[in-house]
Amino acid sequence: MRITVFRRLMAEEFGAVRAEMLARDHVLSGLGGRTVEQALAAGTSAKEVWQEVCTAFEVPAERR
């Protein structure tokens, strides 16, 4: 998954402003206690990050 696709999915699910705030500020235990931005910067794949976001925020399977 490309990061541009990941960002589009985040914006569609949470709204553009909230998606940016979540990516910057919300620490996810599934990402090793890092934020989305930190995980992506560390080289975690966008697909893996999206899966962790979906799990943490209980995104329904049809939108994953």
PDB file of N, CA and C in Angstrom:
ATOM      1  N   MET A   1       0.847  -1.173   0.000  1.00  0.00           N
ATOM      2  CA  MET A   1       0.000   0.000   0.000  1.00  0.00           C
ATOM      3  C   MET A   1       0.896   1.239   0.000  1.00  0.00           C
ATOM      4  N   ARG A   2       0.577   2.173  -0.861  1.00  0.00           N
ATOM      5  CA  ARG A   2       1.318   3.433  -0.902  1.00  0.00           C
ATOM      6  C   ARG A   2       0.854   4.346   0.235  1.00  0.00           C
ATOM      7  N   ILE A   3       1.737   5.213   0.660  1.00  0.00           N
ATOM      8  CA  ILE A   3       1.397   6.143   1.738  1.00  0.00           C
ATOM      9  C   ILE A   3       0.259   7.060   1.307  1.00  0.00           C
ATOM     10  N   THR A   4       0.207   7.423   0.027  1.00  0.00           N
ATOM     11  CA  THR A   4      -0.894   8.281  -0.448  1.00  0.00           C
ATOM     12  C   THR A   4      -2.238   7.568  -0.299  1.00  0.00           C
ATOM     13  N   VAL A   5      -2.264   6.272  -0.563  1.00  0.00           N
ATOM     14  CA  VAL A   5      -3.494   5.493  -0.381  1.00  0.00           C
ATOM     15  C   VAL A   5      -3.831   5.426   1.107  1.00  0.00           C
ATOM     16  N   PHE A   6      -2.832   5.190   1.928  1.00  0.00           N
ATOM     17  CA  PHE A   6      -3.039   5.159   3.372  1.00  0.00           C
ATOM     18  C   PHE A   6      -3.650   6.470   3.876  1.00  0.00           C
ATOM     19  N   ARG A   7      -3.096   7.576   3.445  1.00  0.00           N
ATOM     20  CA  ARG A   7      -3.598   8.885   3.889  1.00  0.00           C
ATOM     21  C   ARG A   7      -5.027   9.119   3.405  1.00  0.00           C
ATOM     22  N   ARG A   8      -5.347   8.660   2.202  1.00  0.00           N
ATOM     23  CA  ARG A   8      -6.716   8.788   1.683  1.00  0.00           C
ATOM     24  C   ARG A   8      -7.674   7.968   2.535  1.00  0.00           C
ATOM     25  N   LEU A   9      -7.292   6.735   2.867  1.00  0.00           N
ATOM     26  CA  LEU A   9      -8.133   5.885   3.709  1.00  0.00           C
ATOM     27  C   LEU A   9      -8.357   6.509   5.087  1.00  0.00           C
ATOM     28  N   MET A  10      -7.297   7.059   5.659  1.00  0.00           N
ATOM     29  CA  MET A  10      -7.421   7.726   6.959  1.00  0.00           C
ATOM     30  C   MET A  10      -8.414   8.881   6.876  1.00  0.00           C
ATOM     31  N   ALA A  11      -8.281   9.710   5.848  1.00  0.00           N
ATOM     32  CA  ALA A  11      -9.165  10.872   5.696  1.00  0.00           C
ATOM     33  C   ALA A  11     -10.605  10.439   5.460  1.00  0.00           C
ATOM     34  N   GLU A  12     -10.809   9.381   4.694  1.00  0.00           N
ATOM     35  CA  GLU A  12     -12.169   8.889   4.449  1.00  0.00           C
ATOM     36  C   GLU A  12     -12.795   8.335   5.718  1.00  0.00           C
ATOM     37  N   GLU A  13     -12.003   7.669   6.526  1.00  0.00           N
ATOM     38  CA  GLU A  13     -12.531   7.039   7.745  1.00  0.00           C
ATOM     39  C   GLU A  13     -12.750   8.045   8.867  1.00  0.00           C
ATOM     40  N   PHE A  14     -11.834   8.974   9.054  1.00  0.00           N
ATOM     41  CA  PHE A  14     -11.865   9.844  10.222  1.00  0.00           C
ATOM     42  C   PHE A  14     -12.106  11.317   9.911  1.00  0.00           C
ATOM     43  N   GLY A  15     -12.099  11.682   8.636  1.00  0.00           N
ATOM     44  CA  GLY A  15     -12.148  13.094   8.271  1.00  0.00           C
ATOM     45  C   GLY A  15     -10.723  13.623   8.212  1.00  0.00           C
ATOM     46  N   ALA A  16     -10.485  14.570   7.335  1.00  0.00           N
ATOM     47  CA  ALA A  16      -9.119  15.032   7.079  1.00  0.00           C
ATOM     48  C   ALA A  16      -8.419  15.572   8.325  1.00  0.00           C
ATOM     49  N   VAL A  17      -9.105  16.423   9.064  1.00  0.00           N
ATOM     50  CA  VAL A  17      -8.463  17.054  10.228  1.00  0.00           C
ATOM     51  C   VAL A  17      -8.198  16.027  11.327  1.00  0.00           C
ATOM     52  N   ARG A  18      -9.196  15.212  11.642  1.00  0.00           N
ATOM     53  CA  ARG A  18      -9.015  14.219  12.705  1.00  0.00           C
ATOM     54  C   ARG A  18      -7.959  13.187  12.313  1.00  0.00           C
ATOM     55  N   ALA A  19      -7.924  12.804  11.035  1.00  0.00           N
ATOM     56  CA  ALA A  19      -6.922  11.841  10.574  1.00  0.00           C
ATOM     57  C   ALA A  19      -5.515  12.368  10.803  1.00  0.00           C
ATOM     58  N   GLU A  20      -5.297  13.638  10.507  1.00  0.00           N
ATOM     59  CA  GLU A  20      -3.974  14.236  10.738  1.00  0.00           C
ATOM     60  C   GLU A  20      -3.633  14.264  12.216  1.00  0.00           C
ATOM     61  N   MET A  21      -4.603  14.615  13.054  1.00  0.00           N
ATOM     62  CA  MET A  21      -4.362  14.645  14.503  1.00  0.00           C
ATOM     63  C   MET A  21      -4.060  13.248  15.028  1.00  0.00           C
ATOM     64  N   LEU A  22      -4.837  12.248  14.598  1.00  0.00           N
ATOM     65  CA  LEU A  22      -4.593  10.880  15.049  1.00  0.00           C
ATOM     66  C   LEU A  22      -3.207  10.405  14.640  1.00  0.00           C
ATOM     67  N   ALA A  23      -2.837  10.687  13.400  1.00  0.00           N
ATOM     68  CA  ALA A  23      -1.535  10.242  12.897  1.00  0.00           C
ATOM     69  C   ALA A  23      -0.389  10.885  13.667  1.00  0.00           C
ATOM     70  N   ARG A  24      -0.580  12.110  14.064  1.00  0.00           N
ATOM     71  CA  ARG A  24       0.481  12.856  14.742  1.00  0.00           C
ATOM     72  C   ARG A  24       0.520  12.599  16.247  1.00  0.00           C
ATOM     73  N   ASP A  25      -0.639  12.426  16.889  1.00  0.00           N
ATOM     74  CA  ASP A  25      -0.710  12.459  18.350  1.00  0.00           C
ATOM     75  C   ASP A  25      -1.077  11.152  19.048  1.00  0.00           C
ATOM     76  N   HIS A  26      -1.779  10.256  18.381  1.00  0.00           N
ATOM     77  CA  HIS A  26      -2.286   9.059  19.062  1.00  0.00           C
ATOM     78  C   HIS A  26      -1.237   7.945  19.046  1.00  0.00           C
ATOM     79  N   VAL A  27      -0.842   7.503  20.218  1.00  0.00           N
ATOM     80  CA  VAL A  27       0.143   6.429  20.361  1.00  0.00           C
ATOM     81  C   VAL A  27      -0.585   5.089  20.318  1.00  0.00           C
ATOM     82  N   LEU A  28      -0.106   4.203  19.458  1.00  0.00           N
ATOM     83  CA  LEU A  28      -0.727   2.885  19.297  1.00  0.00           C
ATOM     84  C   LEU A  28       0.202   1.807  19.830  1.00  0.00           C
ATOM     85  N   SER A  29      -0.299   1.004  20.750  1.00  0.00           N
ATOM     86  CA  SER A  29       0.534  -0.061  21.321  1.00  0.00           C
ATOM     87  C   SER A  29       0.930  -1.067  20.254  1.00  0.00           C
ATOM     88  N   GLY A  30       0.061  -1.303  19.281  1.00  0.00           N
ATOM     89  CA  GLY A  30       0.360  -2.238  18.204  1.00  0.00           C
ATOM     90  C   GLY A  30       1.481  -1.782  17.293  1.00  0.00           C
ATOM     91  N   LEU A  31       1.843  -0.513  17.404  1.00  0.00           N
ATOM     92  CA  LEU A  31       2.958   0.025  16.627  1.00  0.00           C
ATOM     93  C   LEU A  31       4.187   0.243  17.515  1.00  0.00           C
ATOM     94  N   GLY A  32       4.234  -0.503  18.590  1.00  0.00           N
ATOM     95  CA  GLY A  32       5.391  -0.408  19.482  1.00  0.00           C
ATOM     96  C   GLY A  32       5.394   0.856  20.314  1.00  0.00           C
ATOM     97  N   GLY A  33       4.204   1.385  20.622  1.00  0.00           N
ATOM     98  CA  GLY A  33       4.128   2.598  21.428  1.00  0.00           C
ATOM     99  C   GLY A  33       4.498   3.842  20.642  1.00  0.00           C
ATOM    100  N   ARG A  34       4.301   3.783  19.323  1.00  0.00           N
ATOM    101  CA  ARG A  34       4.608   4.930  18.474  1.00  0.00           C
ATOM    102  C   ARG A  34       3.324   5.471  17.849  1.00  0.00           C
ATOM    103  N   THR A  35       3.427   6.678  17.359  1.00  0.00           N
ATOM    104  CA  THR A  35       2.324   7.254  16.589  1.00  0.00           C
ATOM    105  C   THR A  35       2.415   6.727  15.159  1.00  0.00           C
ATOM    106  N   VAL A  36       1.361   6.984  14.378  1.00  0.00           N
ATOM    107  CA  VAL A  36       1.370   6.617  12.964  1.00  0.00           C
ATOM    108  C   VAL A  36       2.560   7.265  12.261  1.00  0.00           C
ATOM    109  N   GLU A  37       2.746   8.557  12.488  1.00  0.00           N
ATOM    110  CA  GLU A  37       3.846   9.273  11.829  1.00  0.00           C
ATOM    111  C   GLU A  37       5.200   8.691  12.214  1.00  0.00           C
ATOM    112  N   GLN A  38       5.388   8.370  13.480  1.00  0.00           N
ATOM    113  CA  GLN A  38       6.651   7.795  13.934  1.00  0.00           C
ATOM    114  C   GLN A  38       6.876   6.417  13.312  1.00  0.00           C
ATOM    115  N   ALA A  39       5.822   5.608  13.247  1.00  0.00           N
ATOM    116  CA  ALA A  39       5.944   4.269  12.675  1.00  0.00           C
ATOM    117  C   ALA A  39       6.294   4.338  11.189  1.00  0.00           C
ATOM    118  N   LEU A  40       5.623   5.221  10.460  1.00  0.00           N
ATOM    119  CA  LEU A  40       5.932   5.366   9.034  1.00  0.00           C
ATOM    120  C   LEU A  40       7.360   5.855   8.836  1.00  0.00           C
ATOM    121  N   ALA A  41       7.786   6.819   9.647  1.00  0.00           N
ATOM    122  CA  ALA A  41       9.152   7.351   9.543  1.00  0.00           C
ATOM    123  C   ALA A  41      10.191   6.286   9.858  1.00  0.00           C
ATOM    124  N   ALA A  42       9.824   5.344  10.728  1.00  0.00           N
ATOM    125  CA  ALA A  42      10.747   4.275  11.107  1.00  0.00           C
ATOM    126  C   ALA A  42      10.776   3.142  10.081  1.00  0.00           C
ATOM    127  N   GLY A  43       9.926   3.233   9.057  1.00  0.00           N
ATOM    128  CA  GLY A  43       9.948   2.231   8.003  1.00  0.00           C
ATOM    129  C   GLY A  43       8.868   1.176   8.079  1.00  0.00           C
ATOM    130  N   THR A  44       7.946   1.286   9.020  1.00  0.00           N
ATOM    131  CA  THR A  44       6.825   0.354   9.076  1.00  0.00           C
ATOM    132  C   THR A  44       5.976   0.570   7.834  1.00  0.00           C
ATOM    133  N   SER A  45       5.532  -0.512   7.221  1.00  0.00           N
ATOM    134  CA  SER A  45       4.770  -0.384   5.983  1.00  0.00           C
ATOM    135  C   SER A  45       3.416   0.287   6.254  1.00  0.00           C
ATOM    136  N   ALA A  46       2.957   1.032   5.273  1.00  0.00           N
ATOM    137  CA  ALA A  46       1.671   1.713   5.393  1.00  0.00           C
ATOM    138  C   ALA A  46       0.541   0.712   5.606  1.00  0.00           C
ATOM    139  N   LYS A  47       0.649  -0.443   4.976  1.00  0.00           N
ATOM    140  CA  LYS A  47      -0.372  -1.476   5.143  1.00  0.00           C
ATOM    141  C   LYS A  47      -0.441  -1.957   6.589  1.00  0.00           C
ATOM    142  N   GLU A  48       0.715  -2.194   7.190  1.00  0.00           N
ATOM    143  CA  GLU A  48       0.757  -2.641   8.588  1.00  0.00           C
ATOM    144  C   GLU A  48       0.201  -1.553   9.516  1.00  0.00           C
ATOM    145  N   VAL A  49       0.558  -0.312   9.237  1.00  0.00           N
ATOM    146  CA  VAL A  49       0.054   0.800  10.051  1.00  0.00           C
ATOM    147  C   VAL A  49      -1.466   0.887   9.926  1.00  0.00           C
ATOM    148  N   TRP A  50      -1.976   0.768   8.691  1.00  0.00           N
ATOM    149  CA  TRP A  50      -3.426   0.836   8.477  1.00  0.00           C
ATOM    150  C   TRP A  50      -4.128  -0.292   9.246  1.00  0.00           C
ATOM    151  N   GLN A  51      -3.577  -1.489   9.223  1.00  0.00           N
ATOM    152  CA  GLN A  51      -4.171  -2.605   9.953  1.00  0.00           C
ATOM    153  C   GLN A  51      -4.218  -2.319  11.447  1.00  0.00           C
ATOM    154  N   GLU A  52      -3.175  -1.733  11.988  1.00  0.00           N
ATOM    155  CA  GLU A  52      -3.146  -1.401  13.415  1.00  0.00           C
ATOM    156  C   GLU A  52      -4.159  -0.300  13.747  1.00  0.00           C
ATOM    157  N   VAL A  53      -4.269   0.697  12.878  1.00  0.00           N
ATOM    158  CA  VAL A  53      -5.260   1.755  13.077  1.00  0.00           C
ATOM    159  C   VAL A  53      -6.660   1.147  13.071  1.00  0.00           C
ATOM    160  N   CYS A  54      -6.926   0.276  12.111  1.00  0.00           N
ATOM    161  CA  CYS A  54      -8.242  -0.357  12.012  1.00  0.00           C
ATOM    162  C   CYS A  54      -8.572  -1.169  13.256  1.00  0.00           C
ATOM    163  N   THR A  55      -7.593  -1.874  13.768  1.00  0.00           N
ATOM    164  CA  THR A  55      -7.797  -2.659  14.984  1.00  0.00           C
ATOM    165  C   THR A  55      -8.060  -1.747  16.179  1.00  0.00           C
ATOM    166  N   ALA A  56      -7.239  -0.737  16.337  1.00  0.00           N
ATOM    167  CA  ALA A  56      -7.352   0.162  17.486  1.00  0.00           C
ATOM    168  C   ALA A  56      -8.676   0.923  17.505  1.00  0.00           C
ATOM    169  N   PHE A  57      -9.181   1.284  16.327  1.00  0.00           N
ATOM    170  CA  PHE A  57     -10.394   2.095  16.252  1.00  0.00           C
ATOM    171  C   PHE A  57     -11.608   1.302  15.782  1.00  0.00           C
ATOM    172  N   GLU A  58     -11.462  -0.021  15.765  1.00  0.00           N
ATOM    173  CA  GLU A  58     -12.552  -0.927  15.424  1.00  0.00           C
ATOM    174  C   GLU A  58     -13.247  -0.539  14.119  1.00  0.00           C
ATOM    175  N   VAL A  59     -12.426  -0.318  13.096  1.00  0.00           N
ATOM    176  CA  VAL A  59     -12.961  -0.030  11.761  1.00  0.00           C
ATOM    177  C   VAL A  59     -13.595  -1.318  11.237  1.00  0.00           C
ATOM    178  N   PRO A  60     -14.838  -1.245  10.758  1.00  0.00           N
ATOM    179  CA  PRO A  60     -15.500  -2.455  10.251  1.00  0.00           C
ATOM    180  C   PRO A  60     -14.717  -3.103   9.099  1.00  0.00           C
ATOM    181  N   ALA A  61     -14.806  -4.406   9.030  1.00  0.00           N
ATOM    182  CA  ALA A  61     -14.027  -5.181   8.055  1.00  0.00           C
ATOM    183  C   ALA A  61     -14.241  -4.715   6.623  1.00  0.00           C
ATOM    184  N   GLU A  62     -15.440  -4.292   6.274  1.00  0.00           N
ATOM    185  CA  GLU A  62     -15.699  -3.876   4.897  1.00  0.00           C
ATOM    186  C   GLU A  62     -14.982  -2.578   4.508  1.00  0.00           C
ATOM    187  N   ARG A  63     -14.450  -1.849   5.498  1.00  0.00           N
ATOM    188  CA  ARG A  63     -13.731  -0.622   5.197  1.00  0.00           C
ATOM    189  C   ARG A  63     -12.227  -0.748   5.454  1.00  0.00           C
ATOM    190  N   ARG A  64     -11.784  -1.938   5.731  1.00  0.00           N
ATOM    191  CA  ARG A  64     -10.346  -2.156   5.995  1.00  0.00           C
ATOM    192  C   ARG A  64      -9.574  -2.366   4.717  1.00  0.00           C
TER     193      ARG A  64
END
